[in-house]
Amino acid sequence: MKKILDRRIKMIWDFRGPGAANTAQHYQKHLEEFIVIEELKFDITGVKHFSETHSITYMVVAEFEMGEVRDILKPHRGEVYLDDT
């Protein structure tokens, strides 16, 4: 059984409007840089496009890193990360 603090948390930023896709892709680059600079445990990021006017960027962090990263980057929401999401 996994310990609770071993969970991976998917931090999500929503982008809306006609430039959502481009903004989400650009923001992903900043998240990748942040992961390297802060030496985070995981290097998982991604972008998903839901429509022409709604895209998200996400980054996966270890649960023990979540509080500090959340306070710095202020994601819009989060969820437990599963490999198939």
PDB file of N, CA and C in Angstrom:
ATOM      1  N   MET A   1       0.843  -1.191   0.000  1.00  0.00           N
ATOM      2  CA  MET A   1       0.000   0.000   0.000  1.00  0.00           C
ATOM      3  C   MET A   1       0.882   1.246   0.000  1.00  0.00           C
ATOM      4  N   LYS A   2       0.520   2.211  -0.857  1.00  0.00           N
ATOM      5  CA  LYS A   2       1.279   3.451  -0.944  1.00  0.00           C
ATOM      6  C   LYS A   2       0.991   4.344   0.251  1.00  0.00           C
ATOM      7  N   LYS A   3       2.033   4.957   0.760  1.00  0.00           N
ATOM      8  CA  LYS A   3       1.828   5.963   1.790  1.00  0.00           C
ATOM      9  C   LYS A   3       1.165   7.170   1.154  1.00  0.00           C
ATOM     10  N   ILE A   4       0.405   7.904   1.939  1.00  0.00           N
ATOM     11  CA  ILE A   4      -0.307   9.061   1.395  1.00  0.00           C
ATOM     12  C   ILE A   4       0.654  10.083   0.792  1.00  0.00           C
ATOM     13  N   LEU A   5       1.784  10.348   1.431  1.00  0.00           N
ATOM     14  CA  LEU A   5       2.690  11.366   0.919  1.00  0.00           C
ATOM     15  C   LEU A   5       3.478  10.893  -0.297  1.00  0.00           C
ATOM     16  N   ASP A   6       3.297   9.645  -0.702  1.00  0.00           N
ATOM     17  CA  ASP A   6       3.933   9.136  -1.912  1.00  0.00           C
ATOM     18  C   ASP A   6       3.081   9.408  -3.157  1.00  0.00           C
ATOM     19  N   ARG A   7       1.889   9.934  -2.951  1.00  0.00           N
ATOM     20  CA  ARG A   7       1.017  10.190  -4.104  1.00  0.00           C
ATOM     21  C   ARG A   7       1.605  11.267  -5.000  1.00  0.00           C
ATOM     22  N   ARG A   8       1.220  11.202  -6.265  1.00  0.00           N
ATOM     23  CA  ARG A   8       1.612  12.230  -7.221  1.00  0.00           C
ATOM     24  C   ARG A   8       0.403  13.139  -7.449  1.00  0.00           C
ATOM     25  N   ILE A   9       0.651  14.423  -7.460  1.00  0.00           N
ATOM     26  CA  ILE A   9      -0.418  15.408  -7.594  1.00  0.00           C
ATOM     27  C   ILE A   9      -0.259  16.136  -8.932  1.00  0.00           C
ATOM     28  N   LYS A  10      -1.345  16.192  -9.678  1.00  0.00           N
ATOM     29  CA  LYS A  10      -1.382  16.882 -10.963  1.00  0.00           C
ATOM     30  C   LYS A  10      -1.922  18.291 -10.722  1.00  0.00           C
ATOM     31  N   MET A  11      -1.045  19.280 -10.879  1.00  0.00           N
ATOM     32  CA  MET A  11      -1.442  20.676 -10.740  1.00  0.00           C
ATOM     33  C   MET A  11      -1.844  21.174 -12.124  1.00  0.00           C
ATOM     34  N   ILE A  12      -2.988  21.866 -12.180  1.00  0.00           N
ATOM     35  CA  ILE A  12      -3.594  22.210 -13.463  1.00  0.00           C
ATOM     36  C   ILE A  12      -3.839  23.716 -13.565  1.00  0.00           C
ATOM     37  N   TRP A  13      -3.477  24.253 -14.733  1.00  0.00           N
ATOM     38  CA  TRP A  13      -3.763  25.653 -15.064  1.00  0.00           C
ATOM     39  C   TRP A  13      -4.683  25.656 -16.280  1.00  0.00           C
ATOM     40  N   ASP A  14      -5.811  26.343 -16.175  1.00  0.00           N
ATOM     41  CA  ASP A  14      -6.775  26.457 -17.268  1.00  0.00           C
ATOM     42  C   ASP A  14      -6.518  27.750 -18.040  1.00  0.00           C
ATOM     43  N   PHE A  15      -6.595  27.650 -19.352  1.00  0.00           N
ATOM     44  CA  PHE A  15      -6.484  28.824 -20.216  1.00  0.00           C
ATOM     45  C   PHE A  15      -7.694  28.852 -21.131  1.00  0.00           C
ATOM     46  N   ARG A  16      -8.306  30.018 -21.230  1.00  0.00           N
ATOM     47  CA  ARG A  16      -9.523  30.156 -22.030  1.00  0.00           C
ATOM     48  C   ARG A  16      -9.403  31.333 -22.974  1.00  0.00           C
ATOM     49  N   GLY A  17     -10.123  31.231 -24.059  1.00  0.00           N
ATOM     50  CA  GLY A  17     -10.117  32.304 -25.042  1.00  0.00           C
ATOM     51  C   GLY A  17      -9.461  31.848 -26.332  1.00  0.00           C
ATOM     52  N   PRO A  18      -9.438  32.725 -27.328  1.00  0.00           N
ATOM     53  CA  PRO A  18      -8.921  32.337 -28.644  1.00  0.00           C
ATOM     54  C   PRO A  18      -7.444  31.955 -28.643  1.00  0.00           C
ATOM     55  N   GLY A  19      -6.670  32.441 -27.699  1.00  0.00           N
ATOM     56  CA  GLY A  19      -5.247  32.108 -27.632  1.00  0.00           C
ATOM     57  C   GLY A  19      -4.908  31.027 -26.627  1.00  0.00           C
ATOM     58  N   ALA A  20      -5.909  30.313 -26.143  1.00  0.00           N
ATOM     59  CA  ALA A  20      -5.705  29.339 -25.068  1.00  0.00           C
ATOM     60  C   ALA A  20      -4.658  28.284 -25.407  1.00  0.00           C
ATOM     61  N   ALA A  21      -4.707  27.737 -26.602  1.00  0.00           N
ATOM     62  CA  ALA A  21      -3.782  26.659 -26.984  1.00  0.00           C
ATOM     63  C   ALA A  21      -2.334  27.150 -26.957  1.00  0.00           C
ATOM     64  N   ASN A  22      -2.086  28.301 -27.554  1.00  0.00           N
ATOM     65  CA  ASN A  22      -0.727  28.844 -27.574  1.00  0.00           C
ATOM     66  C   ASN A  22      -0.237  29.212 -26.183  1.00  0.00           C
ATOM     67  N   THR A  23      -1.117  29.785 -25.374  1.00  0.00           N
ATOM     68  CA  THR A  23      -0.741  30.165 -24.016  1.00  0.00           C
ATOM     69  C   THR A  23      -0.401  28.925 -23.191  1.00  0.00           C
ATOM     70  N   ALA A  24      -1.206  27.879 -23.319  1.00  0.00           N
ATOM     71  CA  ALA A  24      -0.961  26.640 -22.579  1.00  0.00           C
ATOM     72  C   ALA A  24       0.386  26.035 -22.969  1.00  0.00           C
ATOM     73  N   GLN A  25       0.688  26.013 -24.256  1.00  0.00           N
ATOM     74  CA  GLN A  25       1.969  25.452 -24.702  1.00  0.00           C
ATOM     75  C   GLN A  25       3.147  26.294 -24.215  1.00  0.00           C
ATOM     76  N   HIS A  26       2.985  27.594 -24.223  1.00  0.00           N
ATOM     77  CA  HIS A  26       4.037  28.479 -23.731  1.00  0.00           C
ATOM     78  C   HIS A  26       4.251  28.282 -22.233  1.00  0.00           C
ATOM     79  N   TYR A  27       3.165  28.179 -21.480  1.00  0.00           N
ATOM     80  CA  TYR A  27       3.269  28.017 -20.030  1.00  0.00           C
ATOM     81  C   TYR A  27       3.951  26.699 -19.682  1.00  0.00           C
ATOM     82  N   GLN A  28       3.738  25.674 -20.499  1.00  0.00           N
ATOM     83  CA  GLN A  28       4.392  24.387 -20.256  1.00  0.00           C
ATOM     84  C   GLN A  28       5.912  24.549 -20.254  1.00  0.00           C
ATOM     85  N   LYS A  29       6.437  25.362 -21.133  1.00  0.00           N
ATOM     86  CA  LYS A  29       7.891  25.589 -21.179  1.00  0.00           C
ATOM     87  C   LYS A  29       8.394  26.177 -19.863  1.00  0.00           C
ATOM     88  N   HIS A  30       7.622  27.093 -19.293  1.00  0.00           N
ATOM     89  CA  HIS A  30       8.004  27.678 -18.009  1.00  0.00           C
ATOM     90  C   HIS A  30       7.961  26.635 -16.897  1.00  0.00           C
ATOM     91  N   LEU A  31       6.969  25.757 -16.936  1.00  0.00           N
ATOM     92  CA  LEU A  31       6.892  24.701 -15.925  1.00  0.00           C
ATOM     93  C   LEU A  31       8.085  23.759 -16.034  1.00  0.00           C
ATOM     94  N   GLU A  32       8.484  23.428 -17.246  1.00  0.00           N
ATOM     95  CA  GLU A  32       9.645  22.554 -17.444  1.00  0.00           C
ATOM     96  C   GLU A  32      10.917  23.208 -16.886  1.00  0.00           C
ATOM     97  N   GLU A  33      11.059  24.504 -17.093  1.00  0.00           N
ATOM     98  CA  GLU A  33      12.205  25.236 -16.541  1.00  0.00           C
ATOM     99  C   GLU A  33      12.162  25.221 -15.016  1.00  0.00           C
ATOM    100  N   PHE A  34      10.975  25.427 -14.448  1.00  0.00           N
ATOM    101  CA  PHE A  34      10.804  25.433 -12.999  1.00  0.00           C
ATOM    102  C   PHE A  34      11.210  24.091 -12.397  1.00  0.00           C
ATOM    103  N   ILE A  35      10.823  23.003 -13.042  1.00  0.00           N
ATOM    104  CA  ILE A  35      11.161  21.661 -12.554  1.00  0.00           C
ATOM    105  C   ILE A  35      12.669  21.491 -12.455  1.00  0.00           C
ATOM    106  N   VAL A  36      13.392  21.947 -13.472  1.00  0.00           N
ATOM    107  CA  VAL A  36      14.852  21.822 -13.480  1.00  0.00           C
ATOM    108  C   VAL A  36      15.478  22.701 -12.397  1.00  0.00           C
ATOM    109  N   ILE A  37      15.058  23.940 -12.328  1.00  0.00           N
ATOM    110  CA  ILE A  37      15.637  24.886 -11.370  1.00  0.00           C
ATOM    111  C   ILE A  37      15.400  24.432  -9.940  1.00  0.00           C
ATOM    112  N   GLU A  38      14.190  23.969  -9.660  1.00  0.00           N
ATOM    113  CA  GLU A  38      13.822  23.579  -8.292  1.00  0.00           C
ATOM    114  C   GLU A  38      14.173  22.125  -7.969  1.00  0.00           C
ATOM    115  N   GLU A  39      14.679  21.397  -8.966  1.00  0.00           N
ATOM    116  CA  GLU A  39      15.065  19.998  -8.793  1.00  0.00           C
ATOM    117  C   GLU A  39      13.928  19.160  -8.215  1.00  0.00           C
ATOM    118  N   LEU A  40      12.760  19.270  -8.836  1.00  0.00           N
ATOM    119  CA  LEU A  40      11.600  18.517  -8.378  1.00  0.00           C
ATOM    120  C   LEU A  40      11.752  17.039  -8.705  1.00  0.00           C
ATOM    121  N   LYS A  41      11.019  16.224  -7.983  1.00  0.00           N
ATOM    122  CA  LYS A  41      11.138  14.770  -8.102  1.00  0.00           C
ATOM    123  C   LYS A  41      10.716  14.245  -9.475  1.00  0.00           C
ATOM    124  N   PHE A  42       9.667  14.802 -10.051  1.00  0.00           N
ATOM    125  CA  PHE A  42       9.162  14.324 -11.341  1.00  0.00           C
ATOM    126  C   PHE A  42       9.340  15.395 -12.413  1.00  0.00           C
ATOM    127  N   ASP A  43       9.425  14.953 -13.650  1.00  0.00           N
ATOM    128  CA  ASP A  43       9.504  15.903 -14.772  1.00  0.00           C
ATOM    129  C   ASP A  43       8.359  15.630 -15.748  1.00  0.00           C
ATOM    130  N   ILE A  44       7.183  15.530 -15.182  1.00  0.00           N
ATOM    131  CA  ILE A  44       5.988  15.237 -15.978  1.00  0.00           C
ATOM    132  C   ILE A  44       5.191  16.522 -16.165  1.00  0.00           C
ATOM    133  N   THR A  45       5.027  16.925 -17.424  1.00  0.00           N
ATOM    134  CA  THR A  45       4.173  18.064 -17.757  1.00  0.00           C
ATOM    135  C   THR A  45       3.368  17.687 -18.989  1.00  0.00           C
ATOM    136  N   GLY A  46       2.372  18.480 -19.284  1.00  0.00           N
ATOM    137  CA  GLY A  46       1.606  18.218 -20.482  1.00  0.00           C
ATOM    138  C   GLY A  46       0.631  19.332 -20.787  1.00  0.00           C
ATOM    139  N   VAL A  47       0.066  19.233 -21.963  1.00  0.00           N
ATOM    140  CA  VAL A  47      -0.943  20.181 -22.432  1.00  0.00           C
ATOM    141  C   VAL A  47      -2.082  19.360 -23.010  1.00  0.00           C
ATOM    142  N   LYS A  48      -3.314  19.769 -22.725  1.00  0.00           N
ATOM    143  CA  LYS A  48      -4.489  19.136 -23.334  1.00  0.00           C
ATOM    144  C   LYS A  48      -5.393  20.236 -23.861  1.00  0.00           C
ATOM    145  N   HIS A  49      -5.925  20.017 -25.047  1.00  0.00           N
ATOM    146  CA  HIS A  49      -6.827  20.977 -25.672  1.00  0.00           C
ATOM    147  C   HIS A  49      -8.230  20.375 -25.679  1.00  0.00           C
ATOM    148  N   PHE A  50      -9.166  21.086 -25.084  1.00  0.00           N
ATOM    149  CA  PHE A  50     -10.538  20.605 -25.003  1.00  0.00           C
ATOM    150  C   PHE A  50     -11.427  21.210 -26.079  1.00  0.00           C
ATOM    151  N   SER A  51     -11.074  22.404 -26.498  1.00  0.00           N
ATOM    152  CA  SER A  51     -11.816  23.078 -27.564  1.00  0.00           C
ATOM    153  C   SER A  51     -10.920  24.192 -28.102  1.00  0.00           C
ATOM    154  N   GLU A  52     -11.420  24.942 -29.051  1.00  0.00           N
ATOM    155  CA  GLU A  52     -10.634  26.058 -29.591  1.00  0.00           C
ATOM    156  C   GLU A  52     -10.400  27.153 -28.557  1.00  0.00           C
ATOM    157  N   THR A  53     -11.204  27.152 -27.516  1.00  0.00           N
ATOM    158  CA  THR A  53     -11.094  28.210 -26.522  1.00  0.00           C
ATOM    159  C   THR A  53     -10.807  27.713 -25.109  1.00  0.00           C
ATOM    160  N   HIS A  54     -10.442  26.446 -24.940  1.00  0.00           N
ATOM    161  CA  HIS A  54     -10.104  25.927 -23.609  1.00  0.00           C
ATOM    162  C   HIS A  54      -8.995  24.894 -23.713  1.00  0.00           C
ATOM    163  N   SER A  55      -7.874  25.219 -23.076  1.00  0.00           N
ATOM    164  CA  SER A  55      -6.736  24.304 -22.990  1.00  0.00           C
ATOM    165  C   SER A  55      -6.218  24.329 -21.564  1.00  0.00           C
ATOM    166  N   ILE A  56      -5.527  23.259 -21.192  1.00  0.00           N
ATOM    167  CA  ILE A  56      -4.889  23.223 -19.879  1.00  0.00           C
ATOM    168  C   ILE A  56      -3.415  22.880 -20.041  1.00  0.00           C
ATOM    169  N   THR A  57      -2.660  23.299 -19.055  1.00  0.00           N
ATOM    170  CA  THR A  57      -1.284  22.867 -18.877  1.00  0.00           C
ATOM    171  C   THR A  57      -1.241  22.222 -17.505  1.00  0.00           C
ATOM    172  N   TYR A  58      -0.467  21.137 -17.381  1.00  0.00           N
ATOM    173  CA  TYR A  58      -0.361  20.509 -16.073  1.00  0.00           C
ATOM    174  C   TYR A  58       1.076  20.108 -15.775  1.00  0.00           C
ATOM    175  N   MET A  59       1.312  19.944 -14.483  1.00  0.00           N
ATOM    176  CA  MET A  59       2.612  19.511 -13.988  1.00  0.00           C
ATOM    177  C   MET A  59       2.354  18.552 -12.831  1.00  0.00           C
ATOM    178  N   VAL A  60       3.107  17.480 -12.765  1.00  0.00           N
ATOM    179  CA  VAL A  60       2.947  16.495 -11.706  1.00  0.00           C
ATOM    180  C   VAL A  60       4.066  16.677 -10.687  1.00  0.00           C
ATOM    181  N   VAL A  61       3.675  16.740  -9.422  1.00  0.00           N
ATOM    182  CA  VAL A  61       4.647  16.880  -8.334  1.00  0.00           C
ATOM    183  C   VAL A  61       4.403  15.794  -7.302  1.00  0.00           C
ATOM    184  N   ALA A  62       5.420  15.506  -6.516  1.00  0.00           N
ATOM    185  CA  ALA A  62       5.258  14.611  -5.371  1.00  0.00           C
ATOM    186  C   ALA A  62       4.417  15.342  -4.330  1.00  0.00           C
ATOM    187  N   GLU A  63       3.609  14.617  -3.602  1.00  0.00           N
ATOM    188  CA  GLU A  63       2.718  15.263  -2.641  1.00  0.00           C
ATOM    189  C   GLU A  63       3.476  16.091  -1.607  1.00  0.00           C
ATOM    190  N   PHE A  64       4.663  15.644  -1.212  1.00  0.00           N
ATOM    191  CA  PHE A  64       5.425  16.414  -0.219  1.00  0.00           C
ATOM    192  C   PHE A  64       5.922  17.742  -0.782  1.00  0.00           C
ATOM    193  N   GLU A  65       5.969  17.888  -2.103  1.00  0.00           N
ATOM    194  CA  GLU A  65       6.383  19.141  -2.742  1.00  0.00           C
ATOM    195  C   GLU A  65       5.201  20.072  -3.017  1.00  0.00           C
ATOM    196  N   MET A  66       4.008  19.535  -2.935  1.00  0.00           N
ATOM    197  CA  MET A  66       2.816  20.238  -3.389  1.00  0.00           C
ATOM    198  C   MET A  66       2.610  21.605  -2.732  1.00  0.00           C
ATOM    199  N   GLY A  67       2.702  21.679  -1.428  1.00  0.00           N
ATOM    200  CA  GLY A  67       2.417  22.930  -0.731  1.00  0.00           C
ATOM    201  C   GLY A  67       3.286  24.077  -1.181  1.00  0.00           C
ATOM    202  N   GLU A  68       4.578  23.838  -1.239  1.00  0.00           N
ATOM    203  CA  GLU A  68       5.507  24.896  -1.639  1.00  0.00           C
ATOM    204  C   GLU A  68       5.310  25.286  -3.100  1.00  0.00           C
ATOM    205  N   VAL A  69       5.174  24.295  -3.972  1.00  0.00           N
ATOM    206  CA  VAL A  69       4.980  24.581  -5.395  1.00  0.00           C
ATOM    207  C   VAL A  69       3.652  25.305  -5.613  1.00  0.00           C
ATOM    208  N   ARG A  70       2.615  24.871  -4.929  1.00  0.00           N
ATOM    209  CA  ARG A  70       1.297  25.518  -5.047  1.00  0.00           C
ATOM    210  C   ARG A  70       1.375  26.988  -4.656  1.00  0.00           C
ATOM    211  N   ASP A  71       2.069  27.269  -3.574  1.00  0.00           N
ATOM    212  CA  ASP A  71       2.175  28.653  -3.107  1.00  0.00           C
ATOM    213  C   ASP A  71       2.950  29.540  -4.086  1.00  0.00           C
ATOM    214  N   ILE A  72       3.923  28.960  -4.774  1.00  0.00           N
ATOM    215  CA  ILE A  72       4.736  29.732  -5.719  1.00  0.00           C
ATOM    216  C   ILE A  72       4.008  29.915  -7.056  1.00  0.00           C
ATOM    217  N   LEU A  73       3.454  28.820  -7.600  1.00  0.00           N
ATOM    218  CA  LEU A  73       2.915  28.848  -8.965  1.00  0.00           C
ATOM    219  C   LEU A  73       1.403  29.065  -9.053  1.00  0.00           C
ATOM    220  N   LYS A  74       0.697  28.885  -7.965  1.00  0.00           N
ATOM    221  CA  LYS A  74      -0.739  29.148  -7.886  1.00  0.00           C
ATOM    222  C   LYS A  74      -1.566  28.480  -9.002  1.00  0.00           C
ATOM    223  N   PRO A  75      -1.562  27.147  -9.033  1.00  0.00           N
ATOM    224  CA  PRO A  75      -2.397  26.459 -10.031  1.00  0.00           C
ATOM    225  C   PRO A  75      -3.874  26.727  -9.768  1.00  0.00           C
ATOM    226  N   HIS A  76      -4.695  26.539 -10.788  1.00  0.00           N
ATOM    227  CA  HIS A  76      -6.127  26.764 -10.646  1.00  0.00           C
ATOM    228  C   HIS A  76      -6.812  25.625  -9.922  1.00  0.00           C
ATOM    229  N   ARG A  77      -6.250  24.422 -10.064  1.00  0.00           N
ATOM    230  CA  ARG A  77      -6.839  23.252  -9.402  1.00  0.00           C
ATOM    231  C   ARG A  77      -5.828  22.126  -9.406  1.00  0.00           C
ATOM    232  N   GLY A  78      -6.184  21.031  -8.759  1.00  0.00           N
ATOM    233  CA  GLY A  78      -5.301  19.880  -8.709  1.00  0.00           C
ATOM    234  C   GLY A  78      -6.081  18.609  -8.487  1.00  0.00           C
ATOM    235  N   GLU A  79      -5.422  17.489  -8.750  1.00  0.00           N
ATOM    236  CA  GLU A  79      -6.046  16.197  -8.545  1.00  0.00           C
ATOM    237  C   GLU A  79      -4.941  15.163  -8.381  1.00  0.00           C
ATOM    238  N   VAL A  80      -5.299  14.025  -7.813  1.00  0.00           N
ATOM    239  CA  VAL A  80      -4.328  12.932  -7.713  1.00  0.00           C
ATOM    240  C   VAL A  80      -4.021  12.457  -9.123  1.00  0.00           C
ATOM    241  N   TYR A  81      -2.752  12.297  -9.439  1.00  0.00           N
ATOM    242  CA  TYR A  81      -2.323  11.901 -10.775  1.00  0.00           C
ATOM    243  C   TYR A  81      -2.287  10.382 -10.885  1.00  0.00           C
ATOM    244  N   LEU A  82      -2.907   9.890 -11.928  1.00  0.00           N
ATOM    245  CA  LEU A  82      -2.851   8.488 -12.287  1.00  0.00           C
ATOM    246  C   LEU A  82      -2.220   8.407 -13.654  1.00  0.00           C
ATOM    247  N   ASP A  83      -1.464   7.370 -13.929  1.00  0.00           N
ATOM    248  CA  ASP A  83      -0.727   7.251 -15.191  1.00  0.00           C
ATOM    249  C   ASP A  83      -1.611   7.397 -16.417  1.00  0.00           C
ATOM    250  N   ASP A  84      -2.862   7.029 -16.333  1.00  0.00           N
ATOM    251  CA  ASP A  84      -3.736   7.051 -17.505  1.00  0.00           C
ATOM    252  C   ASP A  84      -4.523   8.331 -17.657  1.00  0.00           C
ATOM    253  N   THR A  85      -4.162   9.403 -16.916  1.00  0.00           N
ATOM    254  CA  THR A  85      -4.914  10.665 -17.037  1.00  0.00           C
ATOM    255  C   THR A  85      -4.173  11.674 -17.867  1.00  0.00           C
TER     256      THR A  85
END
